């Protein structure tokens, strides 16, 4: 197989790679391990399964979070509306008291 690989920023080299029954898998944090094809496929399939399970858990958590955000917004709105009604009622009482006193 003919391929190009990165030597440094914007510097590439051509290479001919002989077929082999081994593959290197980049795991992250500057860690790369060599596996046989079957081991690599097995490991990657396991990682995919774990990621799919984690995705379901995260979607459930996000759903719960959205629901609680909506509940908090509704409660905040109700508290604000209660305060507005209370202030209006207090303002009307004060207006009535001023009208009675001026009569």
N, C-alpha and C. Protein backbone atom coordinates (compact mmCIF):
# COMPACT_ATOMS: atom_id res chain seq x y z
N UNK A 1 0.85 -1.16 0.00
CA UNK A 1 0.00 0.00 0.00
C UNK A 1 0.90 1.24 0.00
N UNK A 2 0.58 2.20 -0.82
CA UNK A 2 1.30 3.47 -0.87
C UNK A 2 0.51 4.49 -0.04
N UNK A 3 1.21 5.25 0.78
CA UNK A 3 0.55 6.25 1.61
C UNK A 3 1.46 7.44 1.83
N UNK A 4 0.86 8.51 2.31
CA UNK A 4 1.62 9.70 2.72
C UNK A 4 1.41 9.87 4.21
N UNK A 5 2.46 10.24 4.93
CA UNK A 5 2.31 10.46 6.36
C UNK A 5 3.00 11.75 6.76
N UNK A 6 2.55 12.29 7.84
CA UNK A 6 2.99 13.59 8.32
C UNK A 6 4.28 13.44 9.13
N UNK A 7 5.34 14.12 8.70
CA UNK A 7 6.59 14.13 9.46
C UNK A 7 6.60 15.28 10.45
N UNK A 8 6.13 16.44 10.02
CA UNK A 8 6.06 17.64 10.85
C UNK A 8 5.00 18.54 10.23
N UNK A 9 4.78 19.70 10.79
CA UNK A 9 3.79 20.62 10.23
C UNK A 9 4.12 20.88 8.76
N UNK A 10 3.17 20.57 7.90
CA UNK A 10 3.27 20.80 6.46
C UNK A 10 4.41 20.06 5.78
N UNK A 11 4.94 19.00 6.42
CA UNK A 11 5.99 18.19 5.81
C UNK A 11 5.49 16.74 5.78
N UNK A 12 5.33 16.22 4.56
CA UNK A 12 4.82 14.87 4.39
C UNK A 12 5.84 14.03 3.66
N UNK A 13 5.75 12.71 3.84
CA UNK A 13 6.63 11.79 3.14
C UNK A 13 5.78 10.66 2.55
N UNK A 14 6.23 10.14 1.43
CA UNK A 14 5.57 8.99 0.83
C UNK A 14 6.19 7.73 1.40
N UNK A 15 5.37 6.69 1.53
CA UNK A 15 5.88 5.43 2.06
C UNK A 15 5.12 4.28 1.42
N UNK A 16 5.80 3.16 1.36
CA UNK A 16 5.15 1.94 0.92
C UNK A 16 5.08 1.02 2.14
N UNK A 17 3.86 0.61 2.47
CA UNK A 17 3.64 -0.18 3.67
C UNK A 17 3.32 -1.61 3.25
N UNK A 18 4.10 -2.54 3.77
CA UNK A 18 3.87 -3.95 3.47
C UNK A 18 2.70 -4.46 4.31
N UNK A 19 1.89 -5.35 3.77
CA UNK A 19 0.77 -5.87 4.55
C UNK A 19 1.28 -6.65 5.77
N UNK A 20 0.55 -6.51 6.86
CA UNK A 20 0.93 -7.14 8.10
C UNK A 20 -0.34 -7.51 8.84
N UNK A 21 -0.25 -8.40 9.79
CA UNK A 21 -1.44 -8.77 10.55
C UNK A 21 -1.53 -7.97 11.85
N UNK A 22 -0.82 -6.87 11.93
CA UNK A 22 -0.80 -6.02 13.12
C UNK A 22 -1.29 -4.63 12.74
N UNK A 23 -1.87 -3.94 13.73
CA UNK A 23 -2.32 -2.58 13.53
C UNK A 23 -2.02 -1.79 14.81
N UNK A 24 -1.66 -0.53 14.65
CA UNK A 24 -1.42 0.34 15.80
C UNK A 24 -2.65 1.21 16.02
N UNK A 25 -3.10 1.24 17.25
CA UNK A 25 -4.31 2.00 17.60
C UNK A 25 -3.90 3.13 18.53
N UNK A 26 -4.25 4.35 18.13
CA UNK A 26 -3.97 5.54 18.93
C UNK A 26 -5.01 5.61 20.04
N UNK A 27 -4.60 5.53 21.30
CA UNK A 27 -5.51 5.54 22.43
C UNK A 27 -5.67 6.92 23.04
N UNK A 28 -4.81 7.85 22.67
CA UNK A 28 -4.87 9.19 23.21
C UNK A 28 -3.79 9.39 24.26
N UNK A 29 -3.61 10.63 24.67
CA UNK A 29 -2.59 11.00 25.67
C UNK A 29 -1.21 10.45 25.26
N UNK A 30 -0.92 10.57 23.98
CA UNK A 30 0.34 10.12 23.41
C UNK A 30 0.63 8.65 23.66
N UNK A 31 -0.44 7.84 23.60
CA UNK A 31 -0.32 6.39 23.79
C UNK A 31 -0.82 5.69 22.54
N UNK A 32 0.02 4.84 21.98
CA UNK A 32 -0.35 4.04 20.83
C UNK A 32 0.07 2.60 21.12
N UNK A 33 -0.86 1.67 20.91
CA UNK A 33 -0.55 0.26 21.15
C UNK A 33 -0.72 -0.54 19.87
N UNK A 34 0.04 -1.61 19.79
CA UNK A 34 -0.03 -2.48 18.63
C UNK A 34 -0.91 -3.68 18.97
N UNK A 35 -1.86 -3.96 18.10
CA UNK A 35 -2.78 -5.08 18.27
C UNK A 35 -2.79 -5.91 17.00
N UNK A 36 -3.24 -7.14 17.15
CA UNK A 36 -3.56 -7.91 15.95
C UNK A 36 -4.90 -7.38 15.45
N UNK A 37 -5.25 -7.69 14.20
CA UNK A 37 -6.51 -7.18 13.66
C UNK A 37 -7.69 -7.63 14.52
N UNK A 38 -7.72 -8.89 14.89
CA UNK A 38 -8.86 -9.40 15.66
C UNK A 38 -8.94 -8.73 17.03
N UNK A 39 -7.79 -8.55 17.71
CA UNK A 39 -7.79 -7.87 19.00
C UNK A 39 -8.25 -6.42 18.87
N UNK A 40 -7.79 -5.75 17.82
CA UNK A 40 -8.16 -4.35 17.61
C UNK A 40 -9.66 -4.22 17.34
N UNK A 41 -10.20 -5.10 16.50
CA UNK A 41 -11.63 -5.06 16.20
C UNK A 41 -12.43 -5.32 17.47
N UNK A 42 -12.00 -6.31 18.26
CA UNK A 42 -12.69 -6.64 19.51
C UNK A 42 -12.66 -5.46 20.49
N UNK A 43 -11.48 -4.85 20.65
CA UNK A 43 -11.34 -3.72 21.57
C UNK A 43 -12.18 -2.53 21.10
N UNK A 44 -12.13 -2.23 19.81
CA UNK A 44 -12.89 -1.09 19.29
C UNK A 44 -14.40 -1.35 19.35
N UNK A 45 -14.83 -2.58 19.13
CA UNK A 45 -16.26 -2.92 19.25
C UNK A 45 -16.72 -2.74 20.69
N UNK A 46 -15.88 -3.15 21.63
CA UNK A 46 -16.22 -2.98 23.06
C UNK A 46 -16.33 -1.49 23.39
N UNK A 47 -15.42 -0.69 22.88
CA UNK A 47 -15.46 0.76 23.13
C UNK A 47 -16.71 1.38 22.54
N UNK A 48 -17.12 0.92 21.36
CA UNK A 48 -18.34 1.44 20.73
C UNK A 48 -19.55 1.10 21.58
N UNK A 49 -19.63 -0.14 22.08
CA UNK A 49 -20.75 -0.54 22.93
C UNK A 49 -20.80 0.32 24.19
N UNK A 50 -19.65 0.54 24.82
CA UNK A 50 -19.59 1.37 26.02
C UNK A 50 -20.03 2.80 25.72
N UNK A 51 -19.62 3.32 24.57
CA UNK A 51 -20.00 4.68 24.19
C UNK A 51 -21.49 4.78 23.93
N UNK A 52 -22.08 3.75 23.33
CA UNK A 52 -23.52 3.78 23.08
C UNK A 52 -24.30 3.73 24.39
N UNK A 53 -23.84 2.93 25.36
CA UNK A 53 -24.50 2.88 26.67
C UNK A 53 -24.38 4.25 27.35
N UNK A 54 -23.21 4.82 27.28
CA UNK A 54 -22.98 6.14 27.89
C UNK A 54 -23.85 7.21 27.21
N UNK A 55 -24.04 7.10 25.90
CA UNK A 55 -24.88 8.04 25.17
C UNK A 55 -26.32 7.99 25.68
N UNK A 56 -26.83 6.79 25.90
CA UNK A 56 -28.20 6.64 26.42
C UNK A 56 -28.30 7.28 27.81
N UNK A 57 -27.31 7.01 28.67
CA UNK A 57 -27.31 7.60 30.02
C UNK A 57 -27.27 9.13 29.95
N UNK A 58 -26.43 9.67 29.08
CA UNK A 58 -26.32 11.12 28.96
C UNK A 58 -27.61 11.74 28.43
N UNK A 59 -28.29 11.06 27.49
CA UNK A 59 -29.55 11.57 26.98
C UNK A 59 -30.60 11.60 28.08
N UNK A 60 -30.63 10.56 28.93
CA UNK A 60 -31.56 10.54 30.06
C UNK A 60 -31.25 11.67 31.03
N UNK A 61 -29.97 11.87 31.32
CA UNK A 61 -29.57 12.96 32.22
C UNK A 61 -29.95 14.32 31.65
N UNK A 62 -29.76 14.52 30.35
CA UNK A 62 -30.12 15.79 29.73
C UNK A 62 -31.63 16.01 29.76
N UNK A 63 -32.39 14.95 29.57
CA UNK A 63 -33.85 15.05 29.63
C UNK A 63 -34.28 15.47 31.03
N UNK A 64 -33.70 14.83 32.06
CA UNK A 64 -34.02 15.19 33.45
C UNK A 64 -33.64 16.65 33.72
N UNK A 65 -32.49 17.05 33.23
CA UNK A 65 -32.03 18.42 33.43
C UNK A 65 -32.96 19.43 32.76
N UNK A 66 -33.37 19.15 31.50
CA UNK A 66 -34.31 20.04 30.81
C UNK A 66 -35.61 20.18 31.59
N UNK A 67 -36.12 19.05 32.08
CA UNK A 67 -37.36 19.06 32.85
C UNK A 67 -37.23 19.92 34.09
N UNK A 68 -36.11 19.80 34.79
CA UNK A 68 -35.92 20.58 36.01
C UNK A 68 -35.67 22.05 35.71
N UNK A 69 -35.06 22.36 34.58
CA UNK A 69 -34.89 23.76 34.19
C UNK A 69 -36.25 24.39 33.93
N UNK A 70 -37.13 23.64 33.24
CA UNK A 70 -38.48 24.15 32.97
C UNK A 70 -39.24 24.37 34.27
N UNK A 71 -39.13 23.43 35.21
CA UNK A 71 -39.81 23.57 36.50
C UNK A 71 -39.29 24.81 37.24
N UNK A 72 -37.98 25.02 37.23
CA UNK A 72 -37.41 26.18 37.90
C UNK A 72 -37.88 27.48 37.24
N UNK A 73 -37.96 27.50 35.90
CA UNK A 73 -38.42 28.71 35.21
C UNK A 73 -39.89 28.99 35.52
N UNK A 74 -40.71 27.96 35.58
CA UNK A 74 -42.13 28.14 35.91
C UNK A 74 -42.27 28.66 37.34
N UNK A 75 -41.52 28.10 38.27
CA UNK A 75 -41.59 28.57 39.66
C UNK A 75 -41.11 30.01 39.80
N UNK A 76 -40.07 30.37 39.08
CA UNK A 76 -39.58 31.75 39.10
C UNK A 76 -40.65 32.68 38.55
N UNK A 77 -41.29 32.29 37.46
CA UNK A 77 -42.35 33.11 36.87
C UNK A 77 -43.52 33.27 37.83
N UNK A 78 -43.92 32.19 38.48
CA UNK A 78 -45.03 32.26 39.45
C UNK A 78 -44.68 33.19 40.61
N UNK A 79 -43.46 33.09 41.11
CA UNK A 79 -43.03 33.97 42.21
C UNK A 79 -43.05 35.43 41.78
N UNK A 80 -42.56 35.69 40.57
CA UNK A 80 -42.55 37.06 40.07
C UNK A 80 -43.98 37.58 39.91
N UNK A 81 -44.86 36.76 39.33
CA UNK A 81 -46.25 37.18 39.15
C UNK A 81 -46.95 37.43 40.48
N UNK A 82 -46.67 36.59 41.48
CA UNK A 82 -47.24 36.79 42.81
C UNK A 82 -46.78 38.13 43.38
N UNK A 83 -45.49 38.44 43.22
CA UNK A 83 -44.96 39.70 43.74
C UNK A 83 -45.60 40.89 43.03
N UNK A 84 -45.82 40.78 41.72
CA UNK A 84 -46.47 41.86 40.97
C UNK A 84 -47.89 42.08 41.48
N UNK A 85 -48.64 40.98 41.65
CA UNK A 85 -50.02 41.11 42.16
C UNK A 85 -50.04 41.71 43.57
N UNK A 86 -49.10 41.29 44.41
CA UNK A 86 -49.02 41.81 45.78
C UNK A 86 -48.74 43.31 45.78
N UNK A 87 -47.80 43.74 44.92
CA UNK A 87 -47.47 45.16 44.86
C UNK A 87 -48.62 45.99 44.31
N UNK A 88 -49.31 45.43 43.30
CA UNK A 88 -50.47 46.16 42.76
C UNK A 88 -51.55 46.31 43.82
N UNK A 89 -51.80 45.22 44.57
CA UNK A 89 -52.81 45.29 45.63
C UNK A 89 -52.40 46.30 46.69
N UNK A 90 -51.14 46.33 47.06
CA UNK A 90 -50.65 47.30 48.04
C UNK A 90 -50.74 48.71 47.48
N UNK A 91 -50.48 48.89 46.21
CA UNK A 91 -50.57 50.21 45.57
C UNK A 91 -52.01 50.69 45.49
N UNK A 92 -52.96 49.79 45.21
CA UNK A 92 -54.37 50.17 45.15
C UNK A 92 -54.88 50.56 46.54
N UNK A 93 -54.44 49.85 47.57
CA UNK A 93 -54.83 50.20 48.94
C UNK A 93 -54.30 51.58 49.30
N UNK A 94 -53.06 51.86 48.90
CA UNK A 94 -52.48 53.17 49.21
C UNK A 94 -53.22 54.26 48.44
N UNK A 95 -53.60 53.98 47.20
CA UNK A 95 -54.34 54.95 46.40
C UNK A 95 -55.71 55.20 47.02
N UNK A 96 -56.36 54.12 47.47
CA UNK A 96 -57.68 54.28 48.13
C UNK A 96 -57.54 55.07 49.41
N UNK A 97 -56.49 54.85 50.18
CA UNK A 97 -56.28 55.57 51.44
C UNK A 97 -56.04 57.05 51.17
N UNK A 98 -55.30 57.39 50.10
CA UNK A 98 -55.04 58.78 49.76
C UNK A 98 -56.35 59.44 49.30
N UNK A 99 -57.17 58.72 48.54
CA UNK A 99 -58.44 59.29 48.06
C UNK A 99 -59.38 59.54 49.20
N UNK A 100 -59.43 58.64 50.18
CA UNK A 100 -60.31 58.83 51.37
C UNK A 100 -59.81 60.00 52.19
N UNK A 101 -58.50 60.13 52.37
CA UNK A 101 -57.94 61.20 53.20
C UNK A 101 -58.15 62.56 52.55
N UNK A 102 -58.14 62.65 51.23
CA UNK A 102 -58.30 63.94 50.58
C UNK A 102 -59.77 64.36 50.50
N UNK A 103 -60.70 63.45 50.73
CA UNK A 103 -62.13 63.79 50.65
C UNK A 103 -62.62 64.54 51.83
